[in-house]
Protein backbone atom coordinates (compact mmCIF):
# COMPACT_ATOMS: atom_id res chain seq x y z
CA MET A 1 -33.44 -12.95 -1.23
CA ASN A 2 -35.40 -10.54 0.92
CA ALA A 3 -33.70 -8.62 3.73
CA ALA A 4 -35.56 -10.51 6.45
CA ALA A 5 -34.35 -13.89 5.15
CA ALA A 6 -30.86 -12.70 4.22
CA PRO A 7 -28.00 -13.59 6.54
CA PRO A 8 -26.63 -10.60 8.44
CA ILE A 9 -23.27 -8.94 8.16
CA LEU A 10 -21.25 -8.96 11.36
CA VAL A 11 -19.09 -5.88 11.93
CA VAL A 12 -16.57 -6.18 14.75
CA GLU A 13 -15.62 -2.57 15.38
CA ASP A 14 -15.02 -0.66 18.61
CA SER A 15 -15.24 2.80 17.03
CA PRO A 16 -18.84 4.07 16.86
CA GLU A 17 -17.83 6.54 14.13
CA ASP A 18 -16.25 3.86 11.95
CA PHE A 19 -19.24 1.58 12.48
CA ALA A 20 -21.66 4.33 11.46
CA THR A 21 -19.58 5.00 8.33
CA ILE A 22 -19.54 1.29 7.46
CA VAL A 23 -23.33 1.09 7.78
CA ARG A 24 -23.73 4.25 5.69
CA ALA A 25 -21.49 2.83 2.96
CA LEU A 26 -23.25 -0.54 2.87
CA ARG A 27 -26.68 1.10 2.71
CA ALA A 28 -25.46 3.39 -0.09
CA ALA A 29 -24.35 0.26 -1.96
CA GLY A 30 -27.90 -1.09 -1.71
CA VAL A 31 -27.18 -3.65 1.01
CA GLU A 32 -30.39 -4.35 2.89
CA HIS A 33 -29.05 -7.12 5.12
CA ALA A 34 -29.19 -6.67 8.86
CA ILE A 35 -25.89 -5.39 10.16
CA HIS A 36 -24.86 -6.54 13.62
CA ARG A 37 -22.13 -4.84 15.58
CA CYS A 38 -19.87 -6.35 18.19
CA GLU A 39 -17.71 -3.81 20.00
CA ASP A 40 -14.98 -6.22 21.09
CA GLY A 41 -13.50 -9.57 20.22
CA ASP A 42 -15.09 -11.45 23.09
CA GLU A 43 -18.57 -10.37 22.03
CA ALA A 44 -17.80 -11.34 18.42
CA LEU A 45 -16.83 -14.84 19.51
CA GLU A 46 -20.08 -15.12 21.50
CA PHE A 47 -22.08 -13.94 18.48
CA VAL A 48 -20.59 -16.43 16.05
CA ALA A 49 -20.72 -19.28 18.58
CA ARG A 50 -24.30 -18.26 19.47
CA ARG A 51 -23.56 -18.12 23.19
CA GLY A 52 -24.76 -15.88 26.02
CA ARG A 53 -26.88 -12.95 24.90
CA HIS A 54 -26.24 -13.98 21.29
CA ALA A 55 -27.69 -17.47 21.72
CA GLY A 56 -30.21 -16.92 18.91
CA ALA A 57 -27.85 -15.10 16.55
CA PRO A 58 -27.96 -16.10 12.89
CA GLU A 59 -24.83 -17.16 11.06
CA PRO A 60 -23.35 -14.10 9.36
CA ALA A 61 -22.87 -13.91 5.59
CA PHE A 62 -19.43 -12.49 6.30
CA VAL A 63 -17.49 -10.70 9.03
CA LEU A 64 -15.77 -7.32 8.81
CA LEU A 65 -13.15 -7.51 11.54
CA ASP A 66 -11.01 -4.76 13.01
CA LEU A 67 -7.68 -5.97 14.42
CA ASN A 68 -7.21 -3.54 17.30
CA LEU A 69 -10.06 -4.33 19.67
CA PRO A 70 -10.57 -4.41 23.42
CA GLY A 71 -10.72 -7.86 24.99
CA SER A 72 -9.75 -10.54 22.51
CA ASP A 73 -8.23 -8.60 19.63
CA GLY A 74 -9.03 -9.23 15.99
CA ARG A 75 -6.04 -11.52 15.55
CA GLU A 76 -7.37 -13.81 18.27
CA VAL A 77 -10.92 -13.68 16.88
CA LEU A 78 -9.66 -14.60 13.42
CA ALA A 79 -7.63 -17.52 14.78
CA VAL A 80 -10.64 -18.89 16.67
CA LEU A 81 -13.07 -18.47 13.75
CA LYS A 82 -10.76 -20.03 11.18
CA GLY A 83 -9.55 -22.71 13.58
CA SER A 84 -13.00 -24.14 14.25
CA PRO A 85 -14.74 -26.54 11.85
CA ALA A 86 -18.06 -24.90 12.84
CA THR A 87 -17.01 -21.41 11.72
CA CYS A 88 -14.01 -21.71 9.39
CA HIS A 89 -16.25 -21.36 6.32
CA ILE A 90 -17.49 -17.88 7.29
CA PRO A 91 -15.63 -15.28 5.22
CA VAL A 92 -13.65 -12.83 7.33
CA VAL A 93 -12.39 -9.57 5.86
CA ILE A 94 -9.96 -7.60 7.99
CA LEU A 95 -10.82 -3.88 7.91
CA THR A 96 -8.24 -2.03 9.96
CA THR A 97 -5.96 0.97 10.17
CA SER A 98 -2.90 -1.27 10.36
CA ASP A 99 -0.71 -1.56 7.30
CA ASP A 100 1.97 -3.42 9.22
CA GLU A 101 3.34 -6.16 6.98
CA ARG A 102 3.34 -8.60 9.91
CA ASP A 103 -0.38 -8.04 10.47
CA VAL A 104 -1.11 -8.61 6.77
CA ARG A 105 0.94 -11.82 6.60
CA THR A 106 -0.33 -13.14 9.92
CA SER A 107 -3.94 -12.48 8.97
CA TYR A 108 -3.70 -14.30 5.65
CA ARG A 109 -1.82 -17.20 7.25
CA ALA A 110 -4.61 -17.45 9.83
CA GLY A 111 -7.21 -17.73 7.06
CA ALA A 112 -8.44 -14.18 6.44
CA ASN A 113 -10.37 -13.92 3.18
CA GLY A 114 -9.20 -10.36 2.65
CA TYR A 115 -7.20 -7.60 4.28
CA VAL A 116 -8.20 -3.98 3.68
CA ARG A 117 -6.62 -0.92 5.24
CA LYS A 118 -9.19 1.69 6.26
CA PRO A 119 -8.71 4.77 4.11
CA VAL A 120 -8.33 8.00 6.04
CA ASP A 121 -10.55 10.20 3.88
CA LEU A 122 -14.31 9.70 4.07
CA ALA A 123 -14.97 9.35 0.34
CA SER A 124 -12.36 6.59 -0.03
CA PHE A 125 -13.61 4.85 3.13
CA LEU A 126 -17.17 4.81 1.79
CA GLU A 127 -16.03 3.57 -1.64
CA THR A 128 -13.88 0.82 -0.11
CA VAL A 129 -16.67 -0.54 2.11
CA GLN A 130 -19.18 -0.37 -0.74
CA GLY A 131 -16.82 -2.48 -2.86
CA ILE A 132 -16.44 -5.05 -0.09
CA GLY A 133 -20.21 -5.29 0.32
CA ARG A 134 -20.85 -5.62 -3.40
CA PHE A 135 -18.26 -8.35 -3.80
CA TRP A 136 -19.26 -10.50 -0.83
CA LEU A 137 -23.02 -10.09 -1.27
CA ARG A 138 -23.49 -9.92 -5.04
CA THR A 139 -20.55 -11.66 -6.67
CA ALA A 140 -19.15 -14.34 -4.37
CA LEU A 141 -20.85 -17.65 -3.72
CA LEU A 142 -20.78 -18.22 0.02
CA PRO A 143 -20.96 -21.40 2.08
CA PHE A 144 -23.60 -21.51 4.78
CA GLY A 145 -25.24 -23.76 7.30
CA GLU A 146 -23.65 -26.34 9.51
CA ALA A 147 -19.92 -26.13 8.75
CA GLY A 148 -20.62 -24.53 5.38
CA ALA A 149 -22.65 -27.43 3.99
CA GLY A 150 -24.60 -25.41 1.41
CA LEU A 151 -23.96 -22.59 -1.04
CA ARG A 152 -25.72 -19.27 -1.41
CA GLN A 153 -25.43 -16.05 -3.26
CA VAL A 154 -26.88 -13.40 -1.04
């Protein structure tokens, strides 16, 4: 699938530094997909629902979601995405600094497809994000389209 036709990756991250590192890691892993950034939970919900300034947004291949965000936090975003028949099929991987057991349990109970703690050192951070990208874009079969009606390997 060429990059123009490939579904984008949605990164919900308020830290510009972490976002830049995520993009760097995905590009180093050979990911050519467009990468969209939402800086807070409210914008992420608009993007996925294709509302407001994101009215023409494509459905993401998967979402990398930070938990600690301004506006609606990642926990709320996850609950909305996984609670809606229109978006529950979109894979959501939590990528956060929190290793609180309650956050891990709550995220999986709410339907997260993965929970990854951001490593503190740069090399580990890059390696972790590259692994996430490789798995979700090269290995996993993903649902797509209206309520996940089709399958794709992107």
